[in-house]
N, C-alpha and C. Protein backbone atom coordinates (compact mmCIF):
# COMPACT_ATOMS: atom_id res chain seq x y z
N MET A 1 423.18 167.64 269.61
CA MET A 1 422.40 167.52 270.85
C MET A 1 421.63 168.32 272.16
N ALA A 2 420.88 168.54 272.57
CA ALA A 2 419.83 169.80 272.42
C ALA A 2 421.10 170.27 273.90
N THR A 3 420.28 171.75 274.38
CA THR A 3 420.67 171.56 275.79
C THR A 3 420.10 171.10 276.60
N THR A 4 420.04 170.99 278.06
CA THR A 4 419.94 170.62 278.65
C THR A 4 419.33 171.36 279.92
N LYS A 5 417.54 171.01 280.77
CA LYS A 5 417.39 172.40 281.06
C LYS A 5 417.89 172.65 282.55
N ASN A 6 418.35 171.61 283.56
CA ASN A 6 420.15 171.57 284.39
C ASN A 6 420.48 172.84 283.23
N TYR A 7 421.55 172.59 282.25
CA TYR A 7 422.87 173.95 282.52
C TYR A 7 422.33 174.63 281.69
N LYS A 8 420.14 175.13 281.02
CA LYS A 8 420.31 176.15 281.17
C LYS A 8 419.75 176.50 282.38
N ASP A 9 419.40 175.91 283.20
CA ASP A 9 418.75 176.57 284.43
C ASP A 9 420.38 177.09 285.63
N PHE A 10 421.51 176.17 285.11
CA PHE A 10 422.73 176.53 286.06
C PHE A 10 423.77 178.34 285.26
N VAL A 11 422.99 178.40 284.13
CA VAL A 11 423.77 179.80 283.39
C VAL A 11 422.45 180.63 284.07
N LEU A 12 421.42 179.92 283.64
CA LEU A 12 420.51 181.58 284.18
C LEU A 12 421.05 182.22 285.62
N GLU A 13 421.47 181.11 286.31
CA GLU A 13 421.71 180.70 287.93
C GLU A 13 423.43 182.13 288.10
N GLN A 14 423.88 181.66 287.66
CA GLN A 14 424.98 182.64 286.39
C GLN A 14 425.05 183.90 286.22
N LEU A 15 423.58 183.73 285.40
CA LEU A 15 423.66 185.59 285.12
C LEU A 15 422.89 186.29 286.16
N SER A 16 422.30 185.96 286.93
CA SER A 16 421.23 186.35 288.59
C SER A 16 421.94 187.42 288.49
N LEU A 17 423.10 188.16 288.02
CA LEU A 17 424.31 189.96 289.12
C LEU A 17 423.12 190.39 287.82
N LEU A 18 422.25 190.37 286.41
CA LEU A 18 422.22 190.66 285.12
C LEU A 18 421.03 191.20 285.47
N ASP A 19 420.09 192.22 286.15
CA ASP A 19 418.49 192.11 286.01
C ASP A 19 417.96 191.67 283.88
N SER A 20 416.59 191.68 284.65
CA SER A 20 416.06 191.06 282.62
C SER A 20 415.93 190.70 281.78
N ILE A 21 417.48 189.23 282.29
CA ILE A 21 417.58 188.37 280.73
C ILE A 21 416.64 187.46 280.51
N ILE A 22 416.69 187.46 279.41
CA ILE A 22 415.52 187.29 278.97
C ILE A 22 415.62 185.55 278.45
N CYS A 23 415.81 184.97 278.41
CA CYS A 23 415.85 183.35 277.68
C CYS A 23 414.41 183.02 277.07
N LYS A 24 415.45 182.60 275.12
CA LYS A 24 413.75 182.80 274.32
C LYS A 24 414.07 180.90 273.32
N SER A 25 413.59 179.82 274.45
CA SER A 25 413.93 178.98 273.94
C SER A 25 413.82 179.12 271.89
N MET A 26 414.79 177.99 271.55
CA MET A 26 414.16 178.00 269.66
C MET A 26 414.92 176.23 269.57
N MET A 27 414.50 175.46 269.23
CA MET A 27 415.40 174.46 268.80
C MET A 27 415.48 173.24 269.54
N GLY A 28 415.91 173.69 270.54
CA GLY A 28 416.35 172.76 271.52
C GLY A 28 417.69 173.51 272.55
N GLU A 29 417.35 174.72 271.82
CA GLU A 29 419.07 175.38 272.93
C GLU A 29 418.06 177.22 273.07
N TYR A 30 418.67 178.26 273.35
CA TYR A 30 418.24 179.59 274.28
C TYR A 30 419.68 180.60 273.74
N LEU A 31 418.26 181.22 273.39
CA LEU A 31 418.44 182.37 272.35
C LEU A 31 418.43 183.68 274.51
N LEU A 32 419.62 184.14 274.36
CA LEU A 32 419.70 185.21 275.18
C LEU A 32 419.64 186.65 275.07
N CYS A 33 418.93 187.77 276.21
CA CYS A 33 418.82 188.75 276.06
C CYS A 33 418.64 189.33 276.74
N TYR A 34 419.36 190.39 276.57
CA TYR A 34 419.64 191.59 278.16
C TYR A 34 419.51 192.97 277.51
N ASP A 35 419.31 194.04 278.23
CA ASP A 35 418.61 195.31 277.93
C ASP A 35 417.61 195.49 276.34
N GLY A 36 417.57 194.33 275.59
CA GLY A 36 416.84 194.81 274.68
C GLY A 36 417.99 193.50 273.59
N VAL A 37 418.78 193.49 274.31
CA VAL A 37 420.30 193.21 272.91
C VAL A 37 420.24 191.91 272.69
N LEU A 38 419.84 191.23 271.63
CA LEU A 38 420.47 189.76 271.86
C LEU A 38 421.92 189.82 271.59
N PHE A 39 422.69 188.65 273.02
CA PHE A 39 424.42 188.58 273.23
C PHE A 39 424.77 187.21 272.87
N GLY A 40 424.19 186.12 272.65
CA GLY A 40 424.36 184.74 272.49
C GLY A 40 422.85 183.71 272.83
N GLY A 41 423.68 182.83 273.10
CA GLY A 41 422.69 181.82 273.84
C GLY A 41 423.96 180.03 273.82
N ILE A 42 422.33 179.51 274.59
CA ILE A 42 422.94 178.35 275.09
C ILE A 42 422.97 177.06 274.59
N TYR A 43 424.49 176.08 273.19
CA TYR A 43 424.05 175.30 272.74
C TYR A 43 425.02 174.61 272.76
N ASP A 44 424.16 173.22 273.12
CA ASP A 44 424.33 172.15 273.29
C ASP A 44 425.75 172.08 274.45
N ASP A 45 424.77 172.55 276.12
CA ASP A 45 425.38 172.49 276.28
C ASP A 45 426.99 173.39 277.17
N ARG A 46 426.65 175.06 275.94
CA ARG A 46 427.69 175.64 276.17
C ARG A 46 426.93 176.94 276.69
N LEU A 47 427.50 177.49 277.09
CA LEU A 47 427.70 179.22 276.31
C LEU A 47 428.18 179.66 275.87
N LEU A 48 427.59 180.82 274.51
CA LEU A 48 428.01 181.45 273.41
C LEU A 48 427.49 182.71 273.38
N VAL A 49 429.19 183.66 272.90
CA VAL A 49 428.31 184.59 273.26
C VAL A 49 429.39 185.81 271.76
N LYS A 50 428.13 186.93 270.92
CA LYS A 50 428.46 186.80 270.01
C LYS A 50 430.42 188.17 269.51
N LYS A 51 430.85 188.37 269.03
CA LYS A 51 431.75 187.70 268.71
C LYS A 51 432.01 189.43 268.82
N VAL A 52 432.18 190.76 269.33
CA VAL A 52 432.60 191.88 269.55
C VAL A 52 434.52 192.11 269.74
N SER A 53 434.35 194.22 269.62
CA SER A 53 436.08 193.97 269.80
C SER A 53 436.43 194.40 270.93
N SER A 54 434.63 194.18 271.58
CA SER A 54 435.25 194.93 273.28
C SER A 54 435.22 193.89 273.76
N ASN A 55 435.50 192.44 273.55
CA ASN A 55 434.88 190.92 274.52
C ASN A 55 436.43 190.26 274.14
N LYS A 56 437.04 189.96 273.03
CA LYS A 56 438.38 190.26 272.19
C LYS A 56 439.28 190.41 273.84
N LYS A 57 439.24 191.26 274.73
CA LYS A 57 440.07 191.26 275.47
C LYS A 57 439.96 189.45 277.04
N TYR A 58 438.66 189.50 276.70
CA TYR A 58 438.45 188.10 277.66
C TYR A 58 439.17 186.40 277.42
N ASN A 59 439.67 186.55 276.27
CA ASN A 59 439.60 185.61 275.71
C ASN A 59 439.49 184.37 275.73
N MET A 60 438.77 185.19 274.86
CA MET A 60 438.00 183.74 274.42
C MET A 60 437.90 182.81 273.65
N GLN A 61 437.91 181.05 273.17
CA GLN A 61 438.30 180.71 271.42
C GLN A 61 436.50 180.87 271.17
N GLU A 62 436.50 180.47 269.74
CA GLU A 62 435.97 180.59 268.93
C GLU A 62 435.45 179.60 268.65
N SER A 63 433.70 179.37 268.26
CA SER A 63 433.17 178.20 269.29
C SER A 63 431.79 178.25 267.84
N ILE A 64 431.97 177.68 266.90
CA ILE A 64 430.37 177.86 266.22
C ILE A 64 429.21 176.86 266.70
N PRO A 65 428.06 177.91 267.37
CA PRO A 65 427.12 177.17 267.37
C PRO A 65 426.47 175.82 267.16
N TYR A 66 426.39 176.06 265.74
CA TYR A 66 425.23 174.67 265.33
C TYR A 66 426.27 174.94 263.68
N ASP A 67 426.15 174.02 263.11
CA ASP A 67 426.51 174.13 261.19
C ASP A 67 425.80 174.62 260.52
N GLY A 68 426.43 175.92 259.59
CA GLY A 68 426.68 176.48 258.83
C GLY A 68 426.29 178.42 260.13
N ALA A 69 426.87 178.49 261.40
CA ALA A 69 426.13 179.31 261.91
C ALA A 69 428.05 180.29 262.02
N LYS A 70 427.32 181.82 262.18
CA LYS A 70 428.43 182.34 262.29
C LYS A 70 429.77 181.71 263.52
N SER A 71 430.80 182.34 263.56
CA SER A 71 431.59 181.81 264.84
C SER A 71 431.27 182.97 266.52
N MET A 72 431.30 181.91 267.34
CA MET A 72 431.35 182.72 268.41
C MET A 72 432.32 182.74 269.76
N TYR A 73 432.07 183.45 270.42
CA TYR A 73 433.28 183.28 271.30
C TYR A 73 432.26 181.90 272.62
N LEU A 74 433.03 181.05 272.94
CA LEU A 74 433.05 180.32 274.15
C LEU A 74 433.10 180.59 275.18
N VAL A 75 432.54 180.57 277.01
CA VAL A 75 432.39 181.65 277.92
C VAL A 75 432.56 180.11 278.55
N ASP A 76 434.17 180.09 278.82
CA ASP A 76 434.33 178.73 278.79
C ASP A 76 434.10 178.75 280.67
N ASP A 77 434.09 180.54 281.32
CA ASP A 77 434.29 180.39 282.55
C ASP A 77 433.18 181.08 283.27
N ILE A 78 431.85 180.01 283.02
CA ILE A 78 430.64 180.20 283.46
C ILE A 78 430.21 180.41 285.24
N GLU A 79 431.45 178.97 285.93
CA GLU A 79 431.30 180.13 287.91
C GLU A 79 431.72 181.43 288.45
N ASN A 80 432.61 182.25 287.17
CA ASN A 80 433.03 183.08 287.29
C ASN A 80 431.67 184.86 286.79
N GLN A 81 430.36 184.80 288.02
CA GLN A 81 429.87 185.17 288.06
C GLN A 81 430.14 186.88 287.58
N GLU A 82 431.15 187.56 288.19
CA GLU A 82 431.44 189.15 288.58
C GLU A 82 431.74 189.22 287.10
N MET A 83 432.80 187.71 286.13
CA MET A 83 432.99 188.09 285.35
C MET A 83 432.47 188.23 284.21
N LEU A 84 430.83 186.62 283.72
CA LEU A 84 430.36 186.77 283.28
C LEU A 84 429.92 188.24 283.25
N ARG A 85 429.25 188.87 283.86
CA ARG A 85 428.74 189.56 283.88
C ARG A 85 429.11 190.82 283.21
N ASP A 86 429.95 191.70 283.43
CA ASP A 86 431.41 192.67 282.17
C ASP A 86 431.57 191.88 281.11
N ILE A 87 431.37 190.03 280.34
CA ILE A 87 431.76 189.69 279.21
C ILE A 87 429.78 190.33 278.84
N VAL A 88 429.08 190.33 279.47
CA VAL A 88 427.39 190.63 278.66
C VAL A 88 427.23 192.21 278.36
N LEU A 89 427.78 192.38 280.02
CA LEU A 89 427.82 194.24 279.50
C LEU A 89 428.67 194.78 278.37
N ASP A 90 429.76 194.02 278.49
CA ASP A 90 430.42 195.00 277.24
C ASP A 90 430.04 194.42 275.89
N THR A 91 429.64 193.50 275.85
CA THR A 91 429.06 193.27 274.83
C THR A 91 427.93 194.08 273.97
N CYS A 92 426.49 193.70 274.45
CA CYS A 92 425.53 193.97 274.93
C CYS A 92 425.85 195.68 274.29
N ASN A 93 426.64 196.51 275.34
CA ASN A 93 426.92 197.56 274.91
C ASN A 93 427.69 198.23 273.35
N GLU A 94 428.82 197.44 272.53
CA GLU A 94 428.46 197.25 271.55
C GLU A 94 427.63 196.99 270.59
N LEU A 95 427.39 195.39 270.99
CA LEU A 95 426.01 195.36 270.12
C LEU A 95 425.94 197.07 269.54
N LYS A 96 425.11 196.75 271.23
CA LYS A 96 423.65 198.42 270.92
C LYS A 96 424.47 199.68 269.58
N LYS A 97 425.87 199.66 270.34
CA LYS A 97 426.29 201.12 269.84
C LYS A 97 426.99 200.71 268.39
N ILE A 98 427.22 199.81 267.66
CA ILE A 98 426.71 199.25 266.02
C ILE A 98 424.97 199.07 265.64
N LYS A 99 424.47 198.61 266.68
CA LYS A 99 423.02 199.10 265.78
C LYS A 99 422.60 200.17 266.06
N GLU A 100 423.24 202.46 266.34
CA GLU A 100 422.85 203.01 266.81
C GLU A 100 423.21 203.34 265.53
N VAL A 101 424.39 202.81 264.58
CA VAL A 101 425.25 203.63 263.65
C VAL A 101 424.43 203.01 262.26
């Protein structure tokens, strides 16, 4: 099942506290980047972010985006824009640090 355009638009609106979110279509799903960092995506009408130690504190459950993929964290409460912003910032900041090493 592919992600619906309505759900993608809803997620992007919820991410509007962050400037420069880039959403790339990929085989019926969407990859999400912020500040040059791929942090997650929208898969089957679910928002998933990469697993890093700094976003464990949000107690999100693990989920597989598609067969054969690494598990990611499922963001259940996407209506909380402030928490969603913080999740993305924490994830991207750590991914940048990992990339620099």
